[in-house]
Amino acid sequence: MVVSDVQADSPGFDDLSNRSLNREWIDVTSTSRRSLNLDGWTLSDEGGHTYTFNHYRLDGRSTVRVHTGVGRDTYRDVYQDRRNYVWDNHSDTATLRIDHGRFIDDASWGRGRHHDDRGHDGNHHDRRL
């Protein structure tokens, strides 16, 4: 499992509209061929905001996009149902943990790091599950 892509800065003006909030997202990708139950797994930022996956199973070699705003969860998109932005546009770290709090992967951006064209440094701590 990896944090595979980040859009921390929602395109356009940050007006707190649900559309703008949902254009801020983190992608989580399975590197395994097996499906994996993510129930209880968390995705958090440096400020302590935490999203917990609830009754979600990710198919093998698939990606789920975790949006900040309000929406209806599907097999490809889940929503934190927040009314405020989570990810810092300039620097932050998205950390994925298993249901018992064990570190799985993270992605960081900002603070003078070398960025790839997706907006994060691309350095992952891939844990095979």
N, C-alpha and C. Protein backbone atom coordinates (compact mmCIF):
# COMPACT_ATOMS: atom_id res chain seq x y z
N MET A 1 0.84 -1.17 0.00
CA MET A 1 0.00 0.00 0.00
C MET A 1 0.89 1.23 0.00
N VAL A 2 0.54 2.21 -0.81
CA VAL A 2 1.30 3.45 -0.87
C VAL A 2 0.36 4.65 -0.99
N VAL A 3 0.83 5.79 -0.48
CA VAL A 3 0.21 7.07 -0.77
C VAL A 3 0.79 7.44 -2.13
N SER A 4 -0.02 7.34 -3.18
CA SER A 4 0.51 7.38 -4.54
C SER A 4 0.44 8.73 -5.22
N ASP A 5 -0.46 9.60 -4.79
CA ASP A 5 -0.58 10.90 -5.43
C ASP A 5 -1.27 11.87 -4.48
N VAL A 6 -0.97 13.15 -4.65
CA VAL A 6 -1.49 14.18 -3.75
C VAL A 6 -1.90 15.41 -4.56
N GLN A 7 -3.07 15.92 -4.26
CA GLN A 7 -3.44 17.26 -4.74
C GLN A 7 -3.85 18.05 -3.49
N ALA A 8 -2.86 18.68 -2.86
CA ALA A 8 -3.08 19.40 -1.61
C ALA A 8 -3.66 20.78 -1.85
N ASP A 9 -3.36 21.36 -3.00
CA ASP A 9 -3.83 22.70 -3.32
C ASP A 9 -4.95 22.59 -4.34
N SER A 10 -6.18 22.74 -3.87
CA SER A 10 -7.33 22.66 -4.74
C SER A 10 -7.22 23.72 -5.84
N PRO A 11 -7.40 23.34 -7.11
CA PRO A 11 -7.30 24.32 -8.19
C PRO A 11 -8.32 25.46 -8.01
N GLY A 12 -7.92 26.65 -8.38
CA GLY A 12 -8.81 27.80 -8.27
C GLY A 12 -8.74 28.45 -6.90
N PHE A 13 -9.73 29.26 -6.63
CA PHE A 13 -9.80 30.02 -5.39
C PHE A 13 -10.28 29.13 -4.25
N ASP A 14 -9.62 29.20 -3.10
CA ASP A 14 -10.03 28.43 -1.93
C ASP A 14 -11.23 29.11 -1.27
N ASP A 15 -12.43 28.76 -1.73
CA ASP A 15 -13.64 29.43 -1.26
C ASP A 15 -14.47 28.58 -0.30
N LEU A 16 -13.93 27.44 0.13
CA LEU A 16 -14.60 26.51 1.04
C LEU A 16 -15.86 25.89 0.47
N SER A 17 -16.08 26.01 -0.84
CA SER A 17 -17.22 25.32 -1.45
C SER A 17 -16.93 23.82 -1.43
N ASN A 18 -17.97 23.02 -1.44
CA ASN A 18 -17.78 21.57 -1.44
C ASN A 18 -17.00 21.12 -2.68
N ARG A 19 -17.24 21.77 -3.81
CA ARG A 19 -16.51 21.44 -5.03
C ARG A 19 -15.01 21.68 -4.83
N SER A 20 -14.66 22.82 -4.26
CA SER A 20 -13.25 23.12 -4.01
C SER A 20 -12.65 22.15 -2.99
N LEU A 21 -13.38 21.85 -1.93
CA LEU A 21 -12.89 20.91 -0.91
C LEU A 21 -12.64 19.53 -1.51
N ASN A 22 -13.49 19.10 -2.42
CA ASN A 22 -13.33 17.77 -3.02
C ASN A 22 -12.26 17.72 -4.10
N ARG A 23 -11.74 18.88 -4.50
CA ARG A 23 -10.63 18.91 -5.45
C ARG A 23 -9.30 18.92 -4.70
N GLU A 24 -9.36 18.77 -3.39
CA GLU A 24 -8.19 18.50 -2.54
C GLU A 24 -8.31 17.02 -2.18
N TRP A 25 -7.29 16.21 -2.52
CA TRP A 25 -7.40 14.78 -2.32
C TRP A 25 -6.04 14.11 -2.17
N ILE A 26 -6.10 12.88 -1.68
CA ILE A 26 -4.93 12.00 -1.54
C ILE A 26 -5.33 10.67 -2.17
N ASP A 27 -4.45 10.09 -3.01
CA ASP A 27 -4.67 8.77 -3.57
C ASP A 27 -3.90 7.72 -2.77
N VAL A 28 -4.58 6.62 -2.48
CA VAL A 28 -3.97 5.47 -1.81
C VAL A 28 -4.09 4.29 -2.78
N THR A 29 -2.96 3.63 -3.06
CA THR A 29 -2.92 2.58 -4.08
C THR A 29 -2.43 1.27 -3.50
N SER A 30 -3.10 0.20 -3.87
CA SER A 30 -2.67 -1.15 -3.49
C SER A 30 -1.61 -1.62 -4.48
N THR A 31 -0.49 -2.09 -3.97
CA THR A 31 0.58 -2.63 -4.81
C THR A 31 0.49 -4.16 -4.88
N SER A 32 -0.49 -4.71 -4.21
CA SER A 32 -0.67 -6.16 -4.15
C SER A 32 -1.71 -6.61 -5.17
N ARG A 33 -1.69 -7.87 -5.51
CA ARG A 33 -2.72 -8.43 -6.39
C ARG A 33 -3.98 -8.78 -5.60
N ARG A 34 -3.86 -8.88 -4.28
CA ARG A 34 -4.99 -9.25 -3.43
C ARG A 34 -5.77 -8.02 -2.99
N SER A 35 -7.05 -8.19 -2.76
CA SER A 35 -7.83 -7.11 -2.17
C SER A 35 -7.50 -7.04 -0.68
N LEU A 36 -7.71 -5.86 -0.10
CA LEU A 36 -7.33 -5.65 1.29
C LEU A 36 -8.42 -4.87 2.00
N ASN A 37 -8.81 -5.33 3.19
CA ASN A 37 -9.80 -4.64 4.00
C ASN A 37 -9.11 -3.48 4.72
N LEU A 38 -9.52 -2.24 4.42
CA LEU A 38 -8.92 -1.05 5.05
C LEU A 38 -9.72 -0.55 6.25
N ASP A 39 -10.69 -1.31 6.70
CA ASP A 39 -11.52 -0.90 7.82
C ASP A 39 -10.65 -0.56 9.03
N GLY A 40 -10.76 0.67 9.51
CA GLY A 40 -9.99 1.12 10.66
C GLY A 40 -8.65 1.75 10.32
N TRP A 41 -8.21 1.65 9.06
CA TRP A 41 -6.96 2.31 8.66
C TRP A 41 -7.17 3.82 8.70
N THR A 42 -6.08 4.57 8.88
CA THR A 42 -6.19 6.03 8.97
C THR A 42 -5.26 6.71 7.98
N LEU A 43 -5.68 7.90 7.58
CA LEU A 43 -4.88 8.81 6.76
C LEU A 43 -4.89 10.14 7.51
N SER A 44 -3.70 10.64 7.86
CA SER A 44 -3.65 11.85 8.68
C SER A 44 -2.63 12.84 8.15
N ASP A 45 -2.81 14.12 8.59
CA ASP A 45 -1.87 15.18 8.23
C ASP A 45 -1.03 15.54 9.46
N GLU A 46 -0.10 16.46 9.29
CA GLU A 46 0.77 16.87 10.40
C GLU A 46 0.01 17.62 11.48
N GLY A 47 -1.15 18.20 11.16
CA GLY A 47 -1.93 18.97 12.12
C GLY A 47 -2.85 18.12 12.98
N GLY A 48 -2.85 16.82 12.77
CA GLY A 48 -3.67 15.94 13.59
C GLY A 48 -5.04 15.62 13.02
N HIS A 49 -5.37 16.12 11.82
CA HIS A 49 -6.63 15.75 11.17
C HIS A 49 -6.51 14.30 10.71
N THR A 50 -7.48 13.49 11.04
CA THR A 50 -7.41 12.06 10.71
C THR A 50 -8.71 11.61 10.05
N TYR A 51 -8.55 10.88 8.94
CA TYR A 51 -9.68 10.22 8.29
C TYR A 51 -9.53 8.73 8.57
N THR A 52 -10.61 8.07 8.97
CA THR A 52 -10.60 6.63 9.23
C THR A 52 -11.46 5.93 8.19
N PHE A 53 -10.88 4.97 7.49
CA PHE A 53 -11.64 4.17 6.53
C PHE A 53 -12.65 3.33 7.30
N ASN A 54 -13.88 3.29 6.80
CA ASN A 54 -14.95 2.58 7.48
C ASN A 54 -15.60 1.61 6.51
N HIS A 55 -15.50 0.32 6.77
CA HIS A 55 -16.10 -0.72 5.93
C HIS A 55 -15.69 -0.53 4.46
N TYR A 56 -14.38 -0.47 4.23
CA TYR A 56 -13.89 -0.25 2.87
C TYR A 56 -12.89 -1.34 2.50
N ARG A 57 -13.09 -1.95 1.35
CA ARG A 57 -12.17 -2.95 0.82
C ARG A 57 -11.62 -2.44 -0.51
N LEU A 58 -10.28 -2.39 -0.61
CA LEU A 58 -9.62 -1.93 -1.83
C LEU A 58 -9.17 -3.15 -2.63
N ASP A 59 -9.60 -3.20 -3.89
CA ASP A 59 -9.20 -4.30 -4.77
C ASP A 59 -7.70 -4.26 -5.01
N GLY A 60 -7.15 -5.39 -5.39
CA GLY A 60 -5.73 -5.47 -5.72
C GLY A 60 -5.38 -4.57 -6.89
N ARG A 61 -4.20 -3.96 -6.82
CA ARG A 61 -3.69 -3.06 -7.86
C ARG A 61 -4.71 -1.98 -8.23
N SER A 62 -5.38 -1.43 -7.22
CA SER A 62 -6.38 -0.38 -7.41
C SER A 62 -6.05 0.84 -6.57
N THR A 63 -6.72 1.94 -6.89
CA THR A 63 -6.50 3.20 -6.17
C THR A 63 -7.83 3.73 -5.67
N VAL A 64 -7.81 4.27 -4.44
CA VAL A 64 -8.96 4.98 -3.91
C VAL A 64 -8.52 6.43 -3.68
N ARG A 65 -9.37 7.36 -4.05
CA ARG A 65 -9.10 8.79 -3.86
C ARG A 65 -9.88 9.26 -2.63
N VAL A 66 -9.15 9.84 -1.67
CA VAL A 66 -9.75 10.33 -0.43
C VAL A 66 -9.92 11.84 -0.56
N HIS A 67 -11.17 12.28 -0.77
CA HIS A 67 -11.50 13.69 -0.93
C HIS A 67 -11.73 14.33 0.44
N THR A 68 -11.49 15.62 0.54
CA THR A 68 -11.68 16.33 1.80
C THR A 68 -13.14 16.64 2.09
N GLY A 69 -13.91 17.01 1.09
CA GLY A 69 -15.28 17.49 1.29
C GLY A 69 -16.30 16.40 1.52
N VAL A 70 -17.55 16.77 1.30
CA VAL A 70 -18.70 15.90 1.53
C VAL A 70 -19.06 15.20 0.23
N GLY A 71 -19.38 13.91 0.31
CA GLY A 71 -19.80 13.16 -0.87
C GLY A 71 -20.28 11.78 -0.50
N ARG A 72 -20.67 11.03 -1.50
CA ARG A 72 -21.15 9.66 -1.31
C ARG A 72 -20.01 8.71 -1.68
N ASP A 73 -19.59 7.88 -0.73
CA ASP A 73 -18.49 6.96 -0.95
C ASP A 73 -18.83 5.95 -2.05
N THR A 74 -17.83 5.66 -2.89
CA THR A 74 -17.94 4.62 -3.91
C THR A 74 -16.69 3.75 -3.80
N TYR A 75 -16.54 2.78 -4.67
CA TYR A 75 -15.36 1.92 -4.61
C TYR A 75 -14.10 2.64 -5.08
N ARG A 76 -14.20 3.79 -5.75
CA ARG A 76 -13.03 4.54 -6.22
C ARG A 76 -12.79 5.84 -5.47
N ASP A 77 -13.83 6.37 -4.82
CA ASP A 77 -13.74 7.66 -4.14
C ASP A 77 -14.40 7.56 -2.77
N VAL A 78 -13.70 8.08 -1.75
CA VAL A 78 -14.29 8.21 -0.42
C VAL A 78 -14.14 9.66 0.03
N TYR A 79 -14.97 10.07 0.97
CA TYR A 79 -15.06 11.47 1.36
C TYR A 79 -14.90 11.61 2.87
N GLN A 80 -14.10 12.61 3.28
CA GLN A 80 -13.90 12.86 4.70
C GLN A 80 -15.07 13.61 5.32
N ASP A 81 -15.94 14.18 4.49
CA ASP A 81 -17.11 14.94 4.94
C ASP A 81 -16.73 16.13 5.83
N ARG A 82 -15.68 16.83 5.44
CA ARG A 82 -15.22 18.02 6.17
C ARG A 82 -15.72 19.28 5.48
N ARG A 83 -15.79 20.33 6.24
CA ARG A 83 -16.22 21.64 5.73
C ARG A 83 -15.05 22.63 5.69
N ASN A 84 -13.83 22.12 5.93
CA ASN A 84 -12.62 22.93 5.91
C ASN A 84 -11.50 22.14 5.24
N TYR A 85 -10.52 22.82 4.68
CA TYR A 85 -9.37 22.17 4.05
C TYR A 85 -8.53 21.46 5.10
N VAL A 86 -7.90 20.36 4.70
CA VAL A 86 -7.05 19.58 5.59
C VAL A 86 -5.59 19.76 5.23
N TRP A 87 -5.25 19.55 3.98
CA TRP A 87 -3.86 19.48 3.55
C TRP A 87 -3.30 20.87 3.32
N ASP A 88 -2.15 21.16 3.92
CA ASP A 88 -1.49 22.45 3.75
C ASP A 88 -0.95 22.55 2.32
N ASN A 89 -1.26 23.65 1.64
CA ASN A 89 -0.85 23.83 0.25
C ASN A 89 0.66 23.86 0.09
N HIS A 90 1.37 24.36 1.09
CA HIS A 90 2.81 24.60 0.94
C HIS A 90 3.68 23.49 1.49
N SER A 91 3.30 22.88 2.58
CA SER A 91 4.08 21.76 3.12
C SER A 91 3.24 20.97 4.11
N ASP A 92 3.29 19.66 3.98
CA ASP A 92 2.54 18.78 4.86
C ASP A 92 3.01 17.36 4.59
N THR A 93 2.51 16.43 5.37
CA THR A 93 2.78 15.01 5.17
C THR A 93 1.48 14.25 5.33
N ALA A 94 1.16 13.41 4.37
CA ALA A 94 0.01 12.51 4.45
C ALA A 94 0.55 11.16 4.92
N THR A 95 0.05 10.67 6.06
CA THR A 95 0.54 9.42 6.63
C THR A 95 -0.57 8.39 6.68
N LEU A 96 -0.28 7.20 6.14
CA LEU A 96 -1.21 6.08 6.13
C LEU A 96 -0.78 5.09 7.20
N ARG A 97 -1.73 4.71 8.06
CA ARG A 97 -1.46 3.73 9.12
C ARG A 97 -2.51 2.63 9.10
N ILE A 98 -2.09 1.44 9.48
CA ILE A 98 -2.98 0.29 9.59
C ILE A 98 -3.86 0.46 10.82
N ASP A 99 -4.89 -0.36 10.95
CA ASP A 99 -5.88 -0.19 12.02
C ASP A 99 -5.30 -0.21 13.43
N HIS A 100 -4.13 -0.77 13.66
CA HIS A 100 -3.52 -0.77 14.99
C HIS A 100 -2.47 0.32 15.14
N GLY A 101 -2.45 1.28 14.20
CA GLY A 101 -1.56 2.43 14.30
C GLY A 101 -0.18 2.25 13.70
N ARG A 102 0.12 1.07 13.18
CA ARG A 102 1.44 0.83 12.58
C ARG A 102 1.59 1.61 11.27
N PHE A 103 2.73 2.26 11.11
CA PHE A 103 3.04 3.05 9.90
C PHE A 103 3.06 2.15 8.67
N ILE A 104 2.43 2.63 7.59
CA ILE A 104 2.45 1.93 6.31
C ILE A 104 3.21 2.73 5.26
N ASP A 105 2.85 4.01 5.07
CA ASP A 105 3.50 4.83 4.04
C ASP A 105 3.17 6.30 4.31
N ASP A 106 3.97 7.18 3.69
CA ASP A 106 3.65 8.60 3.74
C ASP A 106 4.15 9.29 2.48
N ALA A 107 3.66 10.49 2.28
CA ALA A 107 4.12 11.35 1.19
C ALA A 107 4.17 12.76 1.74
N SER A 108 5.29 13.45 1.48
CA SER A 108 5.49 14.81 1.97
C SER A 108 5.73 15.76 0.81
N TRP A 109 5.36 17.01 1.03
CA TRP A 109 5.63 18.05 0.04
C TRP A 109 6.02 19.32 0.79
N GLY A 110 6.77 20.19 0.08
CA GLY A 110 7.18 21.46 0.67
C GLY A 110 8.50 21.37 1.41
N ARG A 111 8.80 22.43 2.17
CA ARG A 111 10.02 22.53 2.96
C ARG A 111 11.29 22.34 2.13
N GLY A 112 11.27 22.84 0.89
CA GLY A 112 12.47 22.78 0.06
C GLY A 112 12.79 21.40 -0.47
N ARG A 113 11.87 20.45 -0.38
CA ARG A 113 12.11 19.10 -0.89
C ARG A 113 12.14 19.12 -2.41
N HIS A 114 12.78 18.14 -3.00
CA HIS A 114 12.77 17.98 -4.45
C HIS A 114 11.44 17.37 -4.86
N HIS A 115 10.64 18.11 -5.61
CA HIS A 115 9.30 17.66 -5.99
C HIS A 115 9.32 17.00 -7.35
N ASP A 116 8.42 16.01 -7.50
CA ASP A 116 8.16 15.51 -8.84
C ASP A 116 6.98 16.29 -9.40
N ASP A 117 6.52 15.96 -10.60
CA ASP A 117 5.48 16.76 -11.23
C ASP A 117 4.10 16.56 -10.62
N ARG A 118 3.96 15.67 -9.65
CA ARG A 118 2.67 15.48 -9.00
C ARG A 118 2.55 16.31 -7.74
N GLY A 119 3.59 17.04 -7.35
CA GLY A 119 3.48 17.92 -6.20
C GLY A 119 3.98 17.34 -4.90
N HIS A 120 4.53 16.13 -4.91
CA HIS A 120 5.13 15.62 -3.68
C HIS A 120 6.49 15.05 -4.00
N ASP A 121 7.24 14.69 -2.98
CA ASP A 121 8.62 14.32 -3.21
C ASP A 121 8.80 12.91 -3.74
N GLY A 122 7.72 12.11 -3.76
CA GLY A 122 7.80 10.78 -4.34
C GLY A 122 8.52 9.77 -3.48
N ASN A 123 9.02 10.16 -2.31
CA ASN A 123 9.69 9.22 -1.43
C ASN A 123 8.65 8.51 -0.58
N HIS A 124 8.53 7.22 -0.80
CA HIS A 124 7.55 6.42 -0.06
C HIS A 124 8.27 5.33 0.71
N HIS A 125 7.67 4.92 1.78
CA HIS A 125 8.14 3.79 2.56
C HIS A 125 7.17 2.66 2.30
N ASP A 126 7.33 1.97 1.18
CA ASP A 126 6.38 0.97 0.73
C ASP A 126 6.44 -0.25 1.64
N ARG A 127 5.29 -0.60 2.20
CA ARG A 127 5.16 -1.80 3.01
C ARG A 127 4.30 -2.79 2.22
N ARG A 128 4.83 -3.95 1.96
CA ARG A 128 4.08 -4.98 1.23
C ARG A 128 3.10 -5.64 2.17
N LEU A 129 1.85 -5.66 1.79
CA LEU A 129 0.83 -6.31 2.62
C LEU A 129 0.06 -7.31 1.80
